[in-house]
Amino acid sequence: MTLLITEKLDAHGPCDATLTLPFELRQKSRLLTALDGGEAVGLFQPRGAVLRDGDRLRASDGRVVRVVAAREAVTTVSTPGSLLLVRAAYHLGNRHVPLQIGVGWMRYLRDHVLDQMVTELGLDLLHEDAPFEPEAGAYAGHAHAHAPSRLAPA
């Protein structure tokens, strides 16, 4: 029997199991997958929700499951000058490329066409395997709920 996960918890704390997923799957509203221990789970999220590294979910049997951002093939871009980084972010944003942004660097899922464009702009590239946590977006909102949110099937 498949374990169901329909509730996202607001609090962080201990967990009973982990669920490691790449960014692409952390965006799915419906997903049949497996916990890291191999147990089958059905995940139901509200449409448009994105699971983040460290999120806690409650399974139908009461266990708490921690979400882990999987290591993925990414390109990390850096430059000593912020103008080049901002220019590259502008061009990548025009292409609706999800970006993870840090101080002096940004990261996107590896793509040779994007790598070439960014290189031509004069930035340094580093290909690596790392967790990918892109920006949520300007219109993603910020929840201030004090009770657990439901991830009930729609």
C-alpha atoms as a PDB file:
ATOM      1  CA  MET A   1       0.000   0.000   0.000  1.00  0.00           C
ATOM      2  CA  THR A   2       1.275   3.461  -0.882  1.00  0.00           C
ATOM      3  CA  LEU A   3       1.814   5.956   1.921  1.00  0.00           C
ATOM      4  CA  LEU A   4       0.070   9.296   1.279  1.00  0.00           C
ATOM      5  CA  ILE A   5       1.542  12.714   2.006  1.00  0.00           C
ATOM      6  CA  THR A   6      -0.985  15.555   1.928  1.00  0.00           C
ATOM      7  CA  GLU A   7       0.105  17.911   4.707  1.00  0.00           C
ATOM      8  CA  LYS A   8       2.966  20.392   4.861  1.00  0.00           C
ATOM      9  CA  LEU A   9       4.067  21.374   8.362  1.00  0.00           C
ATOM     10  CA  ASP A  10       5.091  24.914   9.296  1.00  0.00           C
ATOM     11  CA  ALA A  11       7.521  23.868  12.002  1.00  0.00           C
ATOM     12  CA  HIS A  12      10.990  22.434  11.623  1.00  0.00           C
ATOM     13  CA  GLY A  13      12.166  19.703  13.919  1.00  0.00           C
ATOM     14  CA  PRO A  14      12.871  16.007  14.062  1.00  0.00           C
ATOM     15  CA  CYS A  15      11.790  13.753  11.241  1.00  0.00           C
ATOM     16  CA  ASP A  16      11.130  10.054  10.782  1.00  0.00           C
ATOM     17  CA  ALA A  17      12.104   9.755   7.106  1.00  0.00           C
ATOM     18  CA  THR A  18      13.554  11.740   4.216  1.00  0.00           C
ATOM     19  CA  LEU A  19      12.405  12.334   0.665  1.00  0.00           C
ATOM     20  CA  THR A  20      15.147  13.439  -1.745  1.00  0.00           C
ATOM     21  CA  LEU A  21      13.889  15.061  -4.953  1.00  0.00           C
ATOM     22  CA  PRO A  22      15.346  17.233  -7.733  1.00  0.00           C
ATOM     23  CA  PHE A  23      13.824  20.671  -8.296  1.00  0.00           C
ATOM     24  CA  GLU A  24      11.697  19.472 -11.222  1.00  0.00           C
ATOM     25  CA  LEU A  25       9.881  16.938  -9.016  1.00  0.00           C
ATOM     26  CA  ARG A  26       9.599  19.297  -6.018  1.00  0.00           C
ATOM     27  CA  GLN A  27       7.274  21.413  -8.209  1.00  0.00           C
ATOM     28  CA  LYS A  28       4.838  18.606  -9.059  1.00  0.00           C
ATOM     29  CA  SER A  29       1.376  18.795  -7.517  1.00  0.00           C
ATOM     30  CA  ARG A  30       0.895  15.024  -7.854  1.00  0.00           C
ATOM     31  CA  LEU A  31       3.773  12.589  -7.651  1.00  0.00           C
ATOM     32  CA  LEU A  32       4.225   8.880  -7.073  1.00  0.00           C
ATOM     33  CA  THR A  33       7.745   8.381  -5.731  1.00  0.00           C
ATOM     34  CA  ALA A  34       9.616   6.699  -2.873  1.00  0.00           C
ATOM     35  CA  LEU A  35      11.105   7.778   0.426  1.00  0.00           C
ATOM     36  CA  ASP A  36      14.882   7.498   0.652  1.00  0.00           C
ATOM     37  CA  GLY A  37      14.354   4.187   2.468  1.00  0.00           C
ATOM     38  CA  GLY A  38      12.481   2.797  -0.563  1.00  0.00           C
ATOM     39  CA  GLU A  39       8.873   3.000   0.694  1.00  0.00           C
ATOM     40  CA  ALA A  40       6.383   4.100  -1.975  1.00  0.00           C
ATOM     41  CA  VAL A  41       4.622   7.425  -1.365  1.00  0.00           C
ATOM     42  CA  GLY A  42       1.982   9.445  -3.141  1.00  0.00           C
ATOM     43  CA  LEU A  43       2.579  13.177  -2.770  1.00  0.00           C
ATOM     44  CA  PHE A  44      -0.308  15.637  -3.181  1.00  0.00           C
ATOM     45  CA  GLN A  45       0.461  19.399  -3.149  1.00  0.00           C
ATOM     46  CA  PRO A  46      -1.593  22.433  -4.088  1.00  0.00           C
ATOM     47  CA  ARG A  47      -0.996  23.474  -7.681  1.00  0.00           C
ATOM     48  CA  GLY A  48       1.893  25.940  -7.918  1.00  0.00           C
ATOM     49  CA  ALA A  49       3.438  24.887  -4.592  1.00  0.00           C
ATOM     50  CA  VAL A  50       7.161  24.133  -4.485  1.00  0.00           C
ATOM     51  CA  LEU A  51       8.792  21.979  -1.841  1.00  0.00           C
ATOM     52  CA  ARG A  52      12.023  23.418  -0.445  1.00  0.00           C
ATOM     53  CA  ASP A  53      15.009  21.727   1.140  1.00  0.00           C
ATOM     54  CA  GLY A  54      14.199  21.199   4.813  1.00  0.00           C
ATOM     55  CA  ASP A  55      10.403  21.347   4.477  1.00  0.00           C
ATOM     56  CA  ARG A  56       8.578  18.947   6.765  1.00  0.00           C
ATOM     57  CA  LEU A  57       5.586  16.905   5.572  1.00  0.00           C
ATOM     58  CA  ARG A  58       3.194  14.693   7.516  1.00  0.00           C
ATOM     59  CA  ALA A  59       2.428  11.264   6.077  1.00  0.00           C
ATOM     60  CA  SER A  60      -0.941   9.531   6.450  1.00  0.00           C
ATOM     61  CA  ASP A  61       0.492   7.288   9.193  1.00  0.00           C
ATOM     62  CA  GLY A  62       1.649  10.326  11.239  1.00  0.00           C
ATOM     63  CA  ARG A  63       5.345  10.164  10.383  1.00  0.00           C
ATOM     64  CA  VAL A  64       7.187  13.398   9.627  1.00  0.00           C
ATOM     65  CA  VAL A  65       9.108  13.395   6.350  1.00  0.00           C
ATOM     66  CA  ARG A  66      11.887  15.920   5.652  1.00  0.00           C
ATOM     67  CA  VAL A  67      12.362  17.100   2.067  1.00  0.00           C
ATOM     68  CA  VAL A  68      15.947  17.055   0.793  1.00  0.00           C
ATOM     69  CA  ALA A  69      16.971  18.939  -2.365  1.00  0.00           C
ATOM     70  CA  ALA A  70      18.784  16.421  -4.552  1.00  0.00           C
ATOM     71  CA  ARG A  71      22.211  17.206  -5.963  1.00  0.00           C
ATOM     72  CA  GLU A  72      21.797  18.120  -9.631  1.00  0.00           C
ATOM     73  CA  ALA A  73      23.991  19.037 -12.576  1.00  0.00           C
ATOM     74  CA  VAL A  74      24.129  22.828 -12.289  1.00  0.00           C
ATOM     75  CA  THR A  75      26.194  25.703 -13.567  1.00  0.00           C
ATOM     76  CA  THR A  76      27.355  28.202 -10.986  1.00  0.00           C
ATOM     77  CA  VAL A  77      28.253  31.574 -12.457  1.00  0.00           C
ATOM     78  CA  SER A  78      30.476  34.120 -10.742  1.00  0.00           C
ATOM     79  CA  THR A  79      32.351  37.298 -11.519  1.00  0.00           C
ATOM     80  CA  PRO A  80      34.258  39.902  -9.543  1.00  0.00           C
ATOM     81  CA  GLY A  81      32.050  42.657 -11.018  1.00  0.00           C
ATOM     82  CA  SER A  82      28.374  42.823 -10.098  1.00  0.00           C
ATOM     83  CA  LEU A  83      27.369  44.513 -13.381  1.00  0.00           C
ATOM     84  CA  LEU A  84      28.190  41.394 -15.417  1.00  0.00           C
ATOM     85  CA  LEU A  85      26.272  39.214 -12.976  1.00  0.00           C
ATOM     86  CA  VAL A  86      23.234  41.501 -13.150  1.00  0.00           C
ATOM     87  CA  ARG A  87      23.423  41.573 -16.947  1.00  0.00           C
ATOM     88  CA  ALA A  88      23.545  37.763 -17.104  1.00  0.00           C
ATOM     89  CA  ALA A  89      20.627  37.510 -14.640  1.00  0.00           C
ATOM     90  CA  TYR A  90      18.635  39.860 -16.874  1.00  0.00           C
ATOM     91  CA  HIS A  91      19.246  37.741 -19.981  1.00  0.00           C
ATOM     92  CA  LEU A  92      18.524  34.470 -18.165  1.00  0.00           C
ATOM     93  CA  GLY A  93      15.375  35.977 -16.646  1.00  0.00           C
ATOM     94  CA  ASN A  94      14.216  37.015 -20.114  1.00  0.00           C
ATOM     95  CA  ARG A  95      14.335  33.305 -20.948  1.00  0.00           C
ATOM     96  CA  HIS A  96      12.382  32.421 -17.765  1.00  0.00           C
ATOM     97  CA  VAL A  97      15.313  30.380 -16.455  1.00  0.00           C
ATOM     98  CA  PRO A  98      14.928  29.523 -12.757  1.00  0.00           C
ATOM     99  CA  LEU A  99      17.908  31.013 -10.879  1.00  0.00           C
ATOM    100  CA  GLN A 100      19.389  30.453  -7.471  1.00  0.00           C
ATOM    101  CA  ILE A 101      21.071  33.682  -6.417  1.00  0.00           C
ATOM    102  CA  GLY A 102      23.774  34.249  -3.814  1.00  0.00           C
ATOM    103  CA  VAL A 103      26.203  37.060  -3.038  1.00  0.00           C
ATOM    104  CA  GLY A 104      28.496  37.283  -6.064  1.00  0.00           C
ATOM    105  CA  TRP A 105      27.096  34.185  -7.798  1.00  0.00           C
ATOM    106  CA  MET A 106      24.031  32.587  -9.354  1.00  0.00           C
ATOM    107  CA  ARG A 107      23.165  29.041 -10.367  1.00  0.00           C
ATOM    108  CA  TYR A 108      20.918  27.380 -12.948  1.00  0.00           C
ATOM    109  CA  LEU A 109      20.351  23.849 -14.161  1.00  0.00           C
ATOM    110  CA  ARG A 110      23.146  22.978 -16.572  1.00  0.00           C
ATOM    111  CA  ASP A 111      22.405  23.834 -20.190  1.00  0.00           C
ATOM    112  CA  HIS A 112      25.135  24.182 -22.832  1.00  0.00           C
ATOM    113  CA  VAL A 113      23.287  26.944 -24.714  1.00  0.00           C
ATOM    114  CA  LEU A 114      22.928  29.046 -21.553  1.00  0.00           C
ATOM    115  CA  ASP A 115      26.534  28.289 -20.618  1.00  0.00           C
ATOM    116  CA  GLN A 116      27.699  29.644 -23.974  1.00  0.00           C
ATOM    117  CA  MET A 117      25.611  32.810 -23.609  1.00  0.00           C
ATOM    118  CA  VAL A 118      26.901  33.490 -20.093  1.00  0.00           C
ATOM    119  CA  THR A 119      30.499  32.810 -21.154  1.00  0.00           C
ATOM    120  CA  GLU A 120      30.134  35.257 -24.040  1.00  0.00           C
ATOM    121  CA  LEU A 121      28.973  37.867 -21.514  1.00  0.00           C
ATOM    122  CA  GLY A 122      32.334  37.414 -19.765  1.00  0.00           C
ATOM    123  CA  LEU A 123      31.409  35.409 -16.662  1.00  0.00           C
ATOM    124  CA  ASP A 124      33.208  32.443 -15.128  1.00  0.00           C
ATOM    125  CA  LEU A 125      31.400  29.090 -15.089  1.00  0.00           C
ATOM    126  CA  LEU A 126      31.736  26.175 -12.710  1.00  0.00           C
ATOM    127  CA  HIS A 127      29.980  22.898 -13.553  1.00  0.00           C
ATOM    128  CA  GLU A 128      29.122  21.030 -10.384  1.00  0.00           C
ATOM    129  CA  ASP A 129      26.603  18.747  -8.746  1.00  0.00           C
ATOM    130  CA  ALA A 130      24.811  20.686  -6.029  1.00  0.00           C
ATOM    131  CA  PRO A 131      21.334  21.116  -4.563  1.00  0.00           C
ATOM    132  CA  PHE A 132      19.310  23.582  -6.644  1.00  0.00           C
ATOM    133  CA  GLU A 133      17.070  26.045  -4.772  1.00  0.00           C
ATOM    134  CA  PRO A 134      15.970  28.758  -7.218  1.00  0.00           C
ATOM    135  CA  GLU A 135      14.233  31.977  -6.234  1.00  0.00           C
ATOM    136  CA  ALA A 136      10.514  31.554  -5.582  1.00  0.00           C
ATOM    137  CA  GLY A 137       9.574  34.526  -7.762  1.00  0.00           C
ATOM    138  CA  ALA A 138       8.258  37.987  -7.038  1.00  0.00           C
ATOM    139  CA  TYR A 139       4.619  36.871  -6.950  1.00  0.00           C
ATOM    140  CA  ALA A 140       5.072  33.694  -4.893  1.00  0.00           C
ATOM    141  CA  GLY A 141       3.807  35.384  -1.740  1.00  0.00           C
ATOM    142  CA  HIS A 142       4.784  34.684   1.827  1.00  0.00           C
ATOM    143  CA  ALA A 143       2.589  32.616   4.116  1.00  0.00           C
ATOM    144  CA  HIS A 144       2.167  33.590   7.741  1.00  0.00           C
ATOM    145  CA  ALA A 145       0.026  30.624   8.747  1.00  0.00           C
ATOM    146  CA  HIS A 146       0.309  29.318  12.283  1.00  0.00           C
ATOM    147  CA  ALA A 147      -1.422  25.987  11.686  1.00  0.00           C
ATOM    148  CA  PRO A 148      -0.275  23.209   9.341  1.00  0.00           C
ATOM    149  CA  SER A 149      -1.275  23.798   5.732  1.00  0.00           C
ATOM    150  CA  ARG A 150      -3.129  21.040   3.919  1.00  0.00           C
ATOM    151  CA  LEU A 151      -1.736  19.598   0.712  1.00  0.00           C
ATOM    152  CA  ALA A 152      -5.070  18.000  -0.126  1.00  0.00           C
ATOM    153  CA  PRO A 153      -5.681  16.682  -3.613  1.00  0.00           C
ATOM    154  CA  ALA A 154      -7.461  19.209  -5.841  1.00  0.00           C
END
